[in-house]
Amino acid sequence: MKLSIGIVGLPNVGKSTLFKILTKQEINIANYPFATIDPNVGVVAVPDERLQKLAKMSKSKKIIPAVVEFYDIAGLVKGAYKGEGLGNQFLSHIREVDAIIEVIRVFENAEIIHVEEKVDPLRDLEIINTELVLKDLETVEKRLGKAESESRSGNKDAVKLFNELNEIKQWLGKGNILALSENLLSLIRANSGISELNLLTAKPQIYLLNGKESDVSGELKNKIKSLNIDYLIMDLTASDVVMIGELIKKAYEILGLMSFFTTGEDETRAWTIRKGSKAPQAAGEIHTDFEKKFIRAETINCEKLLEAGGWAQAKQKGWLRLEGKDYVAQDGDTMVIRHG
């Protein structure tokens, strides 16, 4: 499945630097706003040492990791929701991604200009969230007009959609991001008429605080905590490989995803599925026919398979399980799919 994460923030906060570190791509990084007009896209492997161990055990010719697409989206500014600084173009790019990494500058450096003239992480966080909220409000109000007309027919689904859109409008109208309300997020996921709007503030988020631990105030930490959003502190000038790996894993986790594996002499591969997926859905990631014609899956946790030393040894020990259509796949499962 295709996974995509958008890197957003004000101009000159470290977005393109992060993208370069993540993807090892040479891109245009300049000390002025809007150096990135079209989003740069890079495919990044999800770090997973289990994959390497399985490949070594199976003497695989190829290793294929799970991946995430990262989009480096140009800087937002005040008024982006109404088109300031090419804002509509940038916000449309955010709409297409599954989740957001919001880069917030906490470091001081007189040589790197700030679009608001002064480094103030709390203000910057507020600017970005306000722009996303206002764009969502605009989107909901547009759909609300049509929904109101449809609801006059008395159709239960149309009335339900109208009422739910109204509830979302009221929440956004108070300046709240949708990620703050589990009730509204559940409502959005359950109603295709709303989920298809791809509302920006309903997307999972991570805040990346660009700087050192000493640059981050208690006030900023408390604000982020109140928003119930995960954050990482990372000095992008240091290019900490361990921290980058943690960021990629965190991005993978916030989307509610996990990996299962297939392994053999030809290849060892990590497949991405949503948590809670059943065995046929997992099989469908390998090939659509596998889901349609699924019979069973020979399954073992990768750690148990490594402990046994291979499929044959695991079978001898009685560690392989035959799982049917109702089996809920677990992170780290290694599978052989049997199909008609």
C-alpha atoms as a PDB file:
ATOM      1  CA  MET A   1       0.000   0.000   0.000  1.00  0.00           C
ATOM      2  CA  LYS A   2       1.138   3.541  -0.724  1.00  0.00           C
ATOM      3  CA  LEU A   3       2.011   5.617   2.355  1.00  0.00           C
ATOM      4  CA  SER A   4       2.736   9.320   2.142  1.00  0.00           C
ATOM      5  CA  ILE A   5       3.892  11.892   4.687  1.00  0.00           C
ATOM      6  CA  GLY A   6       3.946  15.634   4.032  1.00  0.00           C
ATOM      7  CA  ILE A   7       6.667  17.772   5.608  1.00  0.00           C
ATOM      8  CA  VAL A   8       5.166  21.195   6.384  1.00  0.00           C
ATOM      9  CA  GLY A   9       6.058  24.375   8.230  1.00  0.00           C
ATOM     10  CA  LEU A  10       6.907  28.040   7.717  1.00  0.00           C
ATOM     11  CA  PRO A  11       9.691  28.950   5.267  1.00  0.00           C
ATOM     12  CA  ASN A  12      13.301  28.401   6.426  1.00  0.00           C
ATOM     13  CA  VAL A  13      12.560  26.163   9.415  1.00  0.00           C
ATOM     14  CA  GLY A  14      14.413  23.083   8.143  1.00  0.00           C
ATOM     15  CA  LYS A  15      11.855  21.226   5.994  1.00  0.00           C
ATOM     16  CA  SER A  16      14.064  20.754   2.949  1.00  0.00           C
ATOM     17  CA  THR A  17      17.063  19.939   5.155  1.00  0.00           C
ATOM     18  CA  LEU A  18      15.018  17.182   6.798  1.00  0.00           C
ATOM     19  CA  PHE A  19      13.910  15.908   3.407  1.00  0.00           C
ATOM     20  CA  LYS A  20      17.499  15.795   2.193  1.00  0.00           C
ATOM     21  CA  ILE A  21      18.602  13.823   5.269  1.00  0.00           C
ATOM     22  CA  LEU A  22      15.681  11.421   4.949  1.00  0.00           C
ATOM     23  CA  THR A  23      16.006  10.711   1.268  1.00  0.00           C
ATOM     24  CA  LYS A  24      19.697  11.418   0.621  1.00  0.00           C
ATOM     25  CA  GLN A  25      18.503  13.449  -2.383  1.00  0.00           C
ATOM     26  CA  GLU A  26      20.183  16.610  -3.602  1.00  0.00           C
ATOM     27  CA  ILE A  27      17.433  19.232  -3.785  1.00  0.00           C
ATOM     28  CA  ASN A  28      17.169  22.988  -3.850  1.00  0.00           C
ATOM     29  CA  ILE A  29      17.721  24.400  -0.354  1.00  0.00           C
ATOM     30  CA  ALA A  30      17.941  28.178  -0.311  1.00  0.00           C
ATOM     31  CA  ASN A  31      17.904  30.884   2.330  1.00  0.00           C
ATOM     32  CA  TYR A  32      14.706  32.541   1.155  1.00  0.00           C
ATOM     33  CA  PRO A  33      10.960  31.748   1.211  1.00  0.00           C
ATOM     34  CA  PHE A  34       9.401  29.560  -1.486  1.00  0.00           C
ATOM     35  CA  ALA A  35      12.667  27.933  -2.621  1.00  0.00           C
ATOM     36  CA  THR A  36      10.536  24.822  -3.055  1.00  0.00           C
ATOM     37  CA  ILE A  37       7.560  25.479  -5.329  1.00  0.00           C
ATOM     38  CA  ASP A  38       6.537  21.966  -6.334  1.00  0.00           C
ATOM     39  CA  PRO A  39       6.742  19.282  -3.657  1.00  0.00           C
ATOM     40  CA  ASN A  40       9.852  17.125  -3.830  1.00  0.00           C
ATOM     41  CA  VAL A  41       8.988  13.473  -3.333  1.00  0.00           C
ATOM     42  CA  GLY A  42      11.289  10.814  -1.932  1.00  0.00           C
ATOM     43  CA  VAL A  43      10.753   7.150  -1.085  1.00  0.00           C
ATOM     44  CA  VAL A  44      12.314   6.140   2.244  1.00  0.00           C
ATOM     45  CA  ALA A  45      12.746   2.635   3.668  1.00  0.00           C
ATOM     46  CA  VAL A  46      11.218   1.904   7.074  1.00  0.00           C
ATOM     47  CA  PRO A  47      14.144   0.753   9.272  1.00  0.00           C
ATOM     48  CA  ASP A  48      13.544  -2.835  10.417  1.00  0.00           C
ATOM     49  CA  GLU A  49      16.417  -5.034  11.556  1.00  0.00           C
ATOM     50  CA  ARG A  50      14.112  -8.083  11.481  1.00  0.00           C
ATOM     51  CA  LEU A  51      14.165  -7.884   7.687  1.00  0.00           C
ATOM     52  CA  GLN A  52      17.962  -8.214   7.561  1.00  0.00           C
ATOM     53  CA  LYS A  53      17.941 -11.176   9.962  1.00  0.00           C
ATOM     54  CA  LEU A  54      15.293 -13.029   7.963  1.00  0.00           C
ATOM     55  CA  ALA A  55      17.178 -12.397   4.717  1.00  0.00           C
ATOM     56  CA  LYS A  56      20.370 -13.763   6.245  1.00  0.00           C
ATOM     57  CA  MET A  57      18.561 -16.863   7.501  1.00  0.00           C
ATOM     58  CA  SER A  58      16.956 -17.525   4.100  1.00  0.00           C
ATOM     59  CA  LYS A  59      20.067 -16.517   2.100  1.00  0.00           C
ATOM     60  CA  SER A  60      17.771 -14.230   0.082  1.00  0.00           C
ATOM     61  CA  LYS A  61      18.967 -12.690  -3.181  1.00  0.00           C
ATOM     62  CA  LYS A  62      16.891  -9.537  -2.583  1.00  0.00           C
ATOM     63  CA  ILE A  63      15.671  -7.534   0.402  1.00  0.00           C
ATOM     64  CA  ILE A  64      12.607  -5.318  -0.099  1.00  0.00           C
ATOM     65  CA  PRO A  65      11.697  -3.084   2.863  1.00  0.00           C
ATOM     66  CA  ALA A  66       8.437  -1.335   3.650  1.00  0.00           C
ATOM     67  CA  VAL A  67       8.584   2.265   2.423  1.00  0.00           C
ATOM     68  CA  VAL A  68       7.091   5.693   3.078  1.00  0.00           C
ATOM     69  CA  GLU A  69       6.818   8.517   0.546  1.00  0.00           C
ATOM     70  CA  PHE A  70       7.920  11.870   1.972  1.00  0.00           C
ATOM     71  CA  TYR A  71       6.707  15.083   0.342  1.00  0.00           C
ATOM     72  CA  ASP A  72       8.729  18.245   0.946  1.00  0.00           C
ATOM     73  CA  ILE A  73       5.991  20.883   0.730  1.00  0.00           C
ATOM     74  CA  ALA A  74       6.907  24.525   0.327  1.00  0.00           C
ATOM     75  CA  GLY A  75       6.590  26.900   3.291  1.00  0.00           C
ATOM     76  CA  LEU A  76       3.236  28.178   4.465  1.00  0.00           C
ATOM     77  CA  VAL A  77       2.686  31.763   5.588  1.00  0.00           C
ATOM     78  CA  LYS A  78      -0.144  33.741   7.187  1.00  0.00           C
ATOM     79  CA  GLY A  79      -3.084  33.867   4.804  1.00  0.00           C
ATOM     80  CA  ALA A  80      -2.105  30.637   2.998  1.00  0.00           C
ATOM     81  CA  TYR A  81      -5.698  29.357   3.243  1.00  0.00           C
ATOM     82  CA  LYS A  82      -6.856  32.258   1.035  1.00  0.00           C
ATOM     83  CA  GLY A  83      -3.907  31.998  -1.369  1.00  0.00           C
ATOM     84  CA  GLU A  84      -1.140  34.073   0.229  1.00  0.00           C
ATOM     85  CA  GLY A  85       2.331  32.876  -0.816  1.00  0.00           C
ATOM     86  CA  LEU A  86       0.840  30.369  -3.280  1.00  0.00           C
ATOM     87  CA  GLY A  87      -0.907  28.922  -0.235  1.00  0.00           C
ATOM     88  CA  ASN A  88      -3.746  27.166  -2.053  1.00  0.00           C
ATOM     89  CA  GLN A  89      -1.267  25.245  -4.172  1.00  0.00           C
ATOM     90  CA  PHE A  90       0.697  24.140  -1.106  1.00  0.00           C
ATOM     91  CA  LEU A  91      -2.406  23.248   0.901  1.00  0.00           C
ATOM     92  CA  SER A  92      -3.663  21.087  -1.969  1.00  0.00           C
ATOM     93  CA  HIS A  93      -0.397  19.147  -1.773  1.00  0.00           C
ATOM     94  CA  ILE A  94      -0.959  18.557   1.958  1.00  0.00           C
ATOM     95  CA  ARG A  95      -4.458  17.289   1.195  1.00  0.00           C
ATOM     96  CA  GLU A  96      -3.031  14.385  -0.802  1.00  0.00           C
ATOM     97  CA  VAL A  97      -0.798  12.948   1.956  1.00  0.00           C
ATOM     98  CA  ASP A  98      -1.771  10.460   4.671  1.00  0.00           C
ATOM     99  CA  ALA A  99      -0.038  12.225   7.569  1.00  0.00           C
ATOM    100  CA  ILE A 100       1.916  15.385   8.390  1.00  0.00           C
ATOM    101  CA  ILE A 101       5.286  16.135   9.949  1.00  0.00           C
ATOM    102  CA  GLU A 102       5.174  19.749  11.110  1.00  0.00           C
ATOM    103  CA  VAL A 103       8.687  21.199  11.392  1.00  0.00           C
ATOM    104  CA  ILE A 104       8.973  23.964  13.987  1.00  0.00           C
ATOM    105  CA  ARG A 105      12.173  25.990  14.310  1.00  0.00           C
ATOM    106  CA  VAL A 106      13.412  26.365  17.869  1.00  0.00           C
ATOM    107  CA  PHE A 107      17.065  27.248  17.137  1.00  0.00           C
ATOM    108  CA  GLU A 108      18.431  30.798  16.945  1.00  0.00           C
ATOM    109  CA  ASN A 109      20.685  31.732  14.036  1.00  0.00           C
ATOM    110  CA  ALA A 110      20.972  35.347  12.859  1.00  0.00           C
ATOM    111  CA  GLU A 111      22.273  34.195   9.454  1.00  0.00           C
ATOM    112  CA  ILE A 112      19.086  32.284   8.648  1.00  0.00           C
ATOM    113  CA  ILE A 113      16.207  34.685   8.158  1.00  0.00           C
ATOM    114  CA  HIS A 114      12.769  34.008   9.632  1.00  0.00           C
ATOM    115  CA  VAL A 115       9.706  34.940   7.618  1.00  0.00           C
ATOM    116  CA  GLU A 116       8.166  36.477  10.786  1.00  0.00           C
ATOM    117  CA  GLU A 117      11.502  38.209  11.586  1.00  0.00           C
ATOM    118  CA  LYS A 118      11.840  36.565  15.013  1.00  0.00           C
ATOM    119  CA  VAL A 119      12.072  32.930  16.171  1.00  0.00           C
ATOM    120  CA  ASP A 120       8.951  32.127  18.211  1.00  0.00           C
ATOM    121  CA  PRO A 121       7.961  28.416  18.079  1.00  0.00           C
ATOM    122  CA  LEU A 122       4.617  28.921  19.838  1.00  0.00           C
ATOM    123  CA  ARG A 123       3.599  31.613  17.346  1.00  0.00           C
ATOM    124  CA  ASP A 124       4.763  29.494  14.393  1.00  0.00           C
ATOM    125  CA  LEU A 125       2.817  26.474  15.617  1.00  0.00           C
ATOM    126  CA  GLU A 126      -0.262  28.676  15.948  1.00  0.00           C
ATOM    127  CA  ILE A 127       0.169  30.116  12.437  1.00  0.00           C
ATOM    128  CA  ILE A 128       0.392  26.691  10.790  1.00  0.00           C
ATOM    129  CA  ASN A 129      -2.517  25.200  12.712  1.00  0.00           C
ATOM    130  CA  THR A 130      -4.655  28.291  12.080  1.00  0.00           C
ATOM    131  CA  GLU A 131      -4.042  28.058   8.329  1.00  0.00           C
ATOM    132  CA  LEU A 132      -4.941  24.364   8.302  1.00  0.00           C
ATOM    133  CA  VAL A 133      -8.076  24.996  10.397  1.00  0.00           C
ATOM    134  CA  LEU A 134      -9.219  27.865   8.169  1.00  0.00           C
ATOM    135  CA  LYS A 135      -8.726  25.771   5.034  1.00  0.00           C
ATOM    136  CA  ASP A 136     -10.732  22.922   6.594  1.00  0.00           C
ATOM    137  CA  LEU A 137     -13.452  25.380   7.580  1.00  0.00           C
ATOM    138  CA  GLU A 138     -13.624  26.656   4.001  1.00  0.00           C
ATOM    139  CA  THR A 139     -13.851  23.064   2.684  1.00  0.00           C
ATOM    140  CA  VAL A 140     -16.593  22.083   5.151  1.00  0.00           C
ATOM    141  CA  GLU A 141     -18.658  25.230   4.482  1.00  0.00           C
ATOM    142  CA  LYS A 142     -18.583  24.535   0.729  1.00  0.00           C
ATOM    143  CA  ARG A 143     -19.802  20.973   1.247  1.00  0.00           C
ATOM    144  CA  LEU A 144     -22.333  22.110   3.846  1.00  0.00           C
ATOM    145  CA  GLY A 145     -24.218  24.209   1.301  1.00  0.00           C
ATOM    146  CA  LYS A 146     -24.795  21.202  -0.920  1.00  0.00           C
ATOM    147  CA  ALA A 147     -25.538  18.946   2.058  1.00  0.00           C
ATOM    148  CA  GLU A 148     -28.256  21.334   3.264  1.00  0.00           C
ATOM    149  CA  SER A 149     -30.064  21.105  -0.073  1.00  0.00           C
ATOM    150  CA  GLU A 150     -29.756  17.317  -0.088  1.00  0.00           C
ATOM    151  CA  SER A 151     -31.078  17.053   3.491  1.00  0.00           C
ATOM    152  CA  ARG A 152     -34.364  18.761   2.548  1.00  0.00           C
ATOM    153  CA  SER A 153     -35.379  15.566   0.760  1.00  0.00           C
ATOM    154  CA  GLY A 154     -35.679  13.903   4.148  1.00  0.00           C
ATOM    155  CA  ASN A 155     -33.191  11.179   3.210  1.00  0.00           C
ATOM    156  CA  LYS A 156     -31.735   9.872   6.484  1.00  0.00           C
ATOM    157  CA  ASP A 157     -28.170   9.658   5.173  1.00  0.00           C
ATOM    158  CA  ALA A 158     -28.335  13.187   3.771  1.00  0.00           C
ATOM    159  CA  VAL A 159     -29.688  14.554   7.068  1.00  0.00           C
ATOM    160  CA  LYS A 160     -26.990  12.684   8.993  1.00  0.00           C
ATOM    161  CA  LEU A 161     -24.256  14.105   6.733  1.00  0.00           C
ATOM    162  CA  PHE A 162     -25.617  17.635   7.137  1.00  0.00           C
ATOM    163  CA  ASN A 163     -25.733  17.358  10.936  1.00  0.00           C
ATOM    164  CA  GLU A 164     -22.248  15.881  11.172  1.00  0.00           C
ATOM    165  CA  LEU A 165     -20.771  18.545   8.895  1.00  0.00           C
ATOM    166  CA  ASN A 166     -22.394  21.163  11.110  1.00  0.00           C
ATOM    167  CA  GLU A 167     -20.791  19.585  14.172  1.00  0.00           C
ATOM    168  CA  ILE A 168     -17.375  19.684  12.481  1.00  0.00           C
ATOM    169  CA  LYS A 169     -17.931  23.301  11.422  1.00  0.00           C
ATOM    170  CA  GLN A 170     -18.698  24.328  15.008  1.00  0.00           C
ATOM    171  CA  TRP A 171     -15.507  22.666  16.249  1.00  0.00           C
ATOM    172  CA  LEU A 172     -13.310  24.246  13.573  1.00  0.00           C
ATOM    173  CA  GLY A 173     -15.018  27.592  14.111  1.00  0.00           C
ATOM    174  CA  LYS A 174     -13.586  27.632  17.634  1.00  0.00           C
ATOM    175  CA  GLY A 175     -10.081  27.330  16.152  1.00  0.00           C
ATOM    176  CA  ASN A 176      -9.677  23.667  17.103  1.00  0.00           C
ATOM    177  CA  ILE A 177      -7.853  21.088  15.021  1.00  0.00           C
ATOM    178  CA  LEU A 178      -9.910  17.952  14.362  1.00  0.00           C
ATOM    179  CA  ALA A 179      -7.138  15.700  15.731  1.00  0.00           C
ATOM    180  CA  LEU A 180      -8.105  16.986  19.205  1.00  0.00           C
ATOM    181  CA  SER A 181     -11.468  15.208  19.099  1.00  0.00           C
ATOM    182  CA  GLU A 182     -11.533  11.395  18.946  1.00  0.00           C
ATOM    183  CA  ASN A 183     -15.310  11.602  18.609  1.00  0.00           C
ATOM    184  CA  LEU A 184     -15.083  13.727  15.450  1.00  0.00           C
ATOM    185  CA  LEU A 185     -12.251  11.599  14.025  1.00  0.00           C
ATOM    186  CA  SER A 186     -14.412   8.478  14.449  1.00  0.00           C
ATOM    187  CA  LEU A 187     -17.313  10.304  12.824  1.00  0.00           C
ATOM    188  CA  ILE A 188     -15.135  11.328   9.851  1.00  0.00           C
ATOM    189  CA  ARG A 189     -13.778   7.800   9.361  1.00  0.00           C
ATOM    190  CA  ALA A 190     -17.285   6.323   9.458  1.00  0.00           C
ATOM    191  CA  ASN A 191     -18.825   8.707   6.902  1.00  0.00           C
ATOM    192  CA  SER A 192     -17.403   8.436   3.373  1.00  0.00           C
ATOM    193  CA  GLY A 193     -19.086  11.722   2.457  1.00  0.00           C
ATOM    194  CA  ILE A 194     -16.828  13.465   4.987  1.00  0.00           C
ATOM    195  CA  SER A 195     -13.684  11.321   4.785  1.00  0.00           C
ATOM    196  CA  GLU A 196     -13.434  12.009   1.042  1.00  0.00           C
ATOM    197  CA  LEU A 197     -12.941  15.714   1.863  1.00  0.00           C
ATOM    198  CA  ASN A 198      -9.434  14.821   3.141  1.00  0.00           C
ATOM    199  CA  LEU A 199      -9.626  17.400   5.928  1.00  0.00           C
ATOM    200  CA  LEU A 200      -6.140  18.602   6.823  1.00  0.00           C
ATOM    201  CA  THR A 201      -6.401  18.818  10.612  1.00  0.00           C
ATOM    202  CA  ALA A 202      -7.860  15.294  10.811  1.00  0.00           C
ATOM    203  CA  LYS A 203      -4.616  13.838   9.493  1.00  0.00           C
ATOM    204  CA  PRO A 204      -2.209  12.228  11.994  1.00  0.00           C
ATOM    205  CA  GLN A 205       0.637  14.622  12.894  1.00  0.00           C
ATOM    206  CA  ILE A 206       4.129  14.633  14.382  1.00  0.00           C
ATOM    207  CA  TYR A 207       5.849  17.835  15.478  1.00  0.00           C
ATOM    208  CA  LEU A 208       9.576  17.929  14.761  1.00  0.00           C
ATOM    209  CA  LEU A 209      11.257  20.613  16.873  1.00  0.00           C
ATOM    210  CA  ASN A 210      14.351  21.606  14.940  1.00  0.00           C
ATOM    211  CA  GLY A 211      17.100  22.451  17.425  1.00  0.00           C
ATOM    212  CA  LYS A 212      18.602  21.233  20.684  1.00  0.00           C
ATOM    213  CA  GLU A 213      16.807  20.139  23.844  1.00  0.00           C
ATOM    214  CA  SER A 214      18.001  23.362  25.504  1.00  0.00           C
ATOM    215  CA  ASP A 215      16.189  25.402  22.816  1.00  0.00           C
ATOM    216  CA  VAL A 216      12.792  23.936  23.724  1.00  0.00           C
ATOM    217  CA  SER A 217      10.815  25.761  26.397  1.00  0.00           C
ATOM    218  CA  GLY A 218       8.534  24.086  28.911  1.00  0.00           C
ATOM    219  CA  GLU A 219       5.725  26.257  27.601  1.00  0.00           C
ATOM    220  CA  LEU A 220       6.129  24.792  24.097  1.00  0.00           C
ATOM    221  CA  LYS A 221       6.186  21.224  25.436  1.00  0.00           C
ATOM    222  CA  ASN A 222       3.025  21.879  27.452  1.00  0.00           C
ATOM    223  CA  LYS A 223       1.264  23.356  24.419  1.00  0.00           C
ATOM    224  CA  ILE A 224       2.096  20.320  22.287  1.00  0.00           C
ATOM    225  CA  LYS A 225       1.040  18.004  25.106  1.00  0.00           C
ATOM    226  CA  SER A 226      -2.338  19.779  25.255  1.00  0.00           C
ATOM    227  CA  LEU A 227      -2.793  19.026  21.549  1.00  0.00           C
ATOM    228  CA  ASN A 228      -2.091  15.336  22.205  1.00  0.00           C
ATOM    229  CA  ILE A 229       0.407  15.161  19.335  1.00  0.00           C
ATOM    230  CA  ASP A 230       3.701  13.248  19.342  1.00  0.00           C
ATOM    231  CA  TYR A 231       6.888  15.269  18.973  1.00  0.00           C
ATOM    232  CA  LEU A 232      10.605  14.731  18.511  1.00  0.00           C
ATOM    233  CA  ILE A 233      13.435  17.164  19.216  1.00  0.00           C
ATOM    234  CA  MET A 234      16.071  16.920  16.518  1.00  0.00           C
ATOM    235  CA  ASP A 235      19.031  19.100  15.605  1.00  0.00           C
ATOM    236  CA  LEU A 236      18.927  18.726  11.829  1.00  0.00           C
ATOM    237  CA  THR A 237      22.430  20.189  11.484  1.00  0.00           C
ATOM    238  CA  ALA A 238      23.749  17.142  13.362  1.00  0.00           C
ATOM    239  CA  SER A 239      22.013  14.646  11.038  1.00  0.00           C
ATOM    240  CA  ASP A 240      21.599  12.057  13.805  1.00  0.00           C
ATOM    241  CA  VAL A 241      21.014   8.745  11.975  1.00  0.00           C
ATOM    242  CA  VAL A 242      19.390   7.137  15.028  1.00  0.00           C
ATOM    243  CA  MET A 243      16.956  10.032  15.410  1.00  0.00           C
ATOM    244  CA  ILE A 244      16.084   9.950  11.709  1.00  0.00           C
ATOM    245  CA  GLY A 245      15.314   6.251  12.024  1.00  0.00           C
ATOM    246  CA  GLU A 246      13.084   7.028  14.995  1.00  0.00           C
ATOM    247  CA  LEU A 247      11.239   9.675  13.000  1.00  0.00           C
ATOM    248  CA  ILE A 248      10.551   7.267  10.131  1.00  0.00           C
ATOM    249  CA  LYS A 249       9.293   4.599  12.522  1.00  0.00           C
ATOM    250  CA  LYS A 250       7.127   7.166  14.320  1.00  0.00           C
ATOM    251  CA  ALA A 251       5.624   8.289  11.016  1.00  0.00           C
ATOM    252  CA  TYR A 252       4.832   4.659  10.226  1.00  0.00           C
ATOM    253  CA  GLU A 253       3.231   4.123  13.656  1.00  0.00           C
ATOM    254  CA  ILE A 254       0.954   7.182  13.656  1.00  0.00           C
ATOM    255  CA  LEU A 255      -0.733   5.867  10.520  1.00  0.00           C
ATOM    256  CA  GLY A 256      -1.709   2.712  12.435  1.00  0.00           C
ATOM    257  CA  LEU A 257       0.395   0.461  10.232  1.00  0.00           C
ATOM    258  CA  MET A 258       2.540  -2.600  10.756  1.00  0.00           C
ATOM    259  CA  SER A 259       4.628  -5.060   8.773  1.00  0.00           C
ATOM    260  CA  PHE A 260       4.403  -8.740   8.049  1.00  0.00           C
ATOM    261  CA  PHE A 261       7.041 -10.670   6.143  1.00  0.00           C
ATOM    262  CA  THR A 262       7.567 -13.208   3.415  1.00  0.00           C
ATOM    263  CA  THR A 263      10.983 -14.826   3.124  1.00  0.00           C
ATOM    264  CA  GLY A 264      12.753 -17.284   0.860  1.00  0.00           C
ATOM    265  CA  GLU A 265      15.790 -17.684  -1.369  1.00  0.00           C
ATOM    266  CA  ASP A 266      14.501 -15.252  -3.993  1.00  0.00           C
ATOM    267  CA  GLU A 267      13.609 -12.413  -1.624  1.00  0.00           C
ATOM    268  CA  THR A 268      12.746 -11.332   1.887  1.00  0.00           C
ATOM    269  CA  ARG A 269      10.124  -8.626   1.923  1.00  0.00           C
ATOM    270  CA  ALA A 270       8.235  -6.457   4.392  1.00  0.00           C
ATOM    271  CA  TRP A 271       4.584  -5.850   3.499  1.00  0.00           C
ATOM    272  CA  THR A 272       2.618  -2.950   4.947  1.00  0.00           C
ATOM    273  CA  ILE A 273      -0.898  -3.448   6.309  1.00  0.00           C
ATOM    274  CA  ARG A 274      -3.192  -1.619   8.690  1.00  0.00           C
ATOM    275  CA  LYS A 275      -3.374  -2.892  12.253  1.00  0.00           C
ATOM    276  CA  GLY A 276      -6.421  -5.107  12.615  1.00  0.00           C
ATOM    277  CA  SER A 277      -6.205  -6.491   9.059  1.00  0.00           C
ATOM    278  CA  LYS A 278      -7.226 -10.105   8.650  1.00  0.00           C
ATOM    279  CA  ALA A 279      -5.124 -12.745   6.893  1.00  0.00           C
ATOM    280  CA  PRO A 280      -6.923 -12.468   3.501  1.00  0.00           C
ATOM    281  CA  GLN A 281      -6.343  -8.689   3.474  1.00  0.00           C
ATOM    282  CA  ALA A 282      -2.663  -9.267   4.227  1.00  0.00           C
ATOM    283  CA  ALA A 283      -2.532 -11.786   1.384  1.00  0.00           C
ATOM    284  CA  GLY A 284      -4.137  -9.189  -0.890  1.00  0.00           C
ATOM    285  CA  GLU A 285      -1.135  -6.896  -0.404  1.00  0.00           C
ATOM    286  CA  ILE A 286       1.005  -9.554  -2.073  1.00  0.00           C
ATOM    287  CA  HIS A 287      -1.459 -10.104  -4.929  1.00  0.00           C
ATOM    288  CA  THR A 288      -5.140  -9.249  -5.299  1.00  0.00           C
ATOM    289  CA  ASP A 289      -5.901 -12.830  -6.396  1.00  0.00           C
ATOM    290  CA  PHE A 290      -4.464 -14.118  -3.108  1.00  0.00           C
ATOM    291  CA  GLU A 291      -7.200 -12.300  -1.192  1.00  0.00           C
ATOM    292  CA  LYS A 292      -9.987 -13.517  -3.469  1.00  0.00           C
ATOM    293  CA  LYS A 293      -8.786 -17.127  -3.467  1.00  0.00           C
ATOM    294  CA  PHE A 294      -7.359 -17.255   0.055  1.00  0.00           C
ATOM    295  CA  ILE A 295      -7.452 -20.674   1.737  1.00  0.00           C
ATOM    296  CA  ARG A 296      -5.097 -20.352   4.712  1.00  0.00           C
ATOM    297  CA  ALA A 297      -1.777 -18.891   5.820  1.00  0.00           C
ATOM    298  CA  GLU A 298       1.114 -20.809   7.329  1.00  0.00           C
ATOM    299  CA  THR A 299       2.149 -18.323  10.007  1.00  0.00           C
ATOM    300  CA  ILE A 300       4.896 -17.853  12.576  1.00  0.00           C
ATOM    301  CA  ASN A 301       6.287 -14.795  14.341  1.00  0.00           C
ATOM    302  CA  CYS A 302       9.592 -13.782  12.754  1.00  0.00           C
ATOM    303  CA  GLU A 303      11.459 -14.051  16.068  1.00  0.00           C
ATOM    304  CA  LYS A 304      10.271 -17.643  16.534  1.00  0.00           C
ATOM    305  CA  LEU A 305      11.229 -18.448  12.953  1.00  0.00           C
ATOM    306  CA  LEU A 306      14.716 -17.022  13.521  1.00  0.00           C
ATOM    307  CA  GLU A 307      14.995 -18.981  16.749  1.00  0.00           C
ATOM    308  CA  ALA A 308      14.095 -22.201  14.887  1.00  0.00           C
ATOM    309  CA  GLY A 309      16.587 -21.443  12.115  1.00  0.00           C
ATOM    310  CA  GLY A 310      14.230 -21.851   9.159  1.00  0.00           C
ATOM    311  CA  TRP A 311      10.832 -23.063   7.932  1.00  0.00           C
ATOM    312  CA  ALA A 312      11.702 -26.772   8.005  1.00  0.00           C
ATOM    313  CA  GLN A 313      13.032 -26.581  11.573  1.00  0.00           C
ATOM    314  CA  ALA A 314      10.001 -24.549  12.716  1.00  0.00           C
ATOM    315  CA  LYS A 315       7.688 -27.175  11.201  1.00  0.00           C
ATOM    316  CA  GLN A 316       9.554 -29.981  12.970  1.00  0.00           C
ATOM    317  CA  LYS A 317       9.136 -28.157  16.285  1.00  0.00           C
ATOM    318  CA  GLY A 318       5.412 -27.713  15.649  1.00  0.00           C
ATOM    319  CA  TRP A 319       5.729 -23.924  15.739  1.00  0.00           C
ATOM    320  CA  LEU A 320       3.988 -23.213  12.420  1.00  0.00           C
ATOM    321  CA  ARG A 321       0.295 -22.293  12.704  1.00  0.00           C
ATOM    322  CA  LEU A 322      -2.382 -22.713  10.055  1.00  0.00           C
ATOM    323  CA  GLU A 323      -4.513 -19.583  10.179  1.00  0.00           C
ATOM    324  CA  GLY A 324      -7.825 -19.078   8.382  1.00  0.00           C
ATOM    325  CA  LYS A 325      -9.870 -16.168   7.062  1.00  0.00           C
ATOM    326  CA  ASP A 326     -10.734 -14.764  10.499  1.00  0.00           C
ATOM    327  CA  TYR A 327      -7.144 -14.550  11.743  1.00  0.00           C
ATOM    328  CA  VAL A 328      -6.076 -10.998  12.595  1.00  0.00           C
ATOM    329  CA  ALA A 329      -2.502 -10.530  11.372  1.00  0.00           C
ATOM    330  CA  GLN A 330       0.092  -9.422  13.930  1.00  0.00           C
ATOM    331  CA  ASP A 331       3.151  -7.225  13.511  1.00  0.00           C
ATOM    332  CA  GLY A 332       6.143  -9.443  12.732  1.00  0.00           C
ATOM    333  CA  ASP A 333       4.132 -12.361  11.349  1.00  0.00           C
ATOM    334  CA  THR A 334       5.977 -14.311   8.656  1.00  0.00           C
ATOM    335  CA  MET A 335       3.575 -15.955   6.266  1.00  0.00           C
ATOM    336  CA  VAL A 336       3.256 -18.430   3.424  1.00  0.00           C
ATOM    337  CA  ILE A 337      -0.092 -17.874   1.725  1.00  0.00           C
ATOM    338  CA  ARG A 338      -2.042 -20.831   0.393  1.00  0.00           C
ATOM    339  CA  HIS A 339      -4.645 -19.941  -2.219  1.00  0.00           C
ATOM    340  CA  GLY A 340      -6.853 -21.575  -4.816  1.00  0.00           C
END
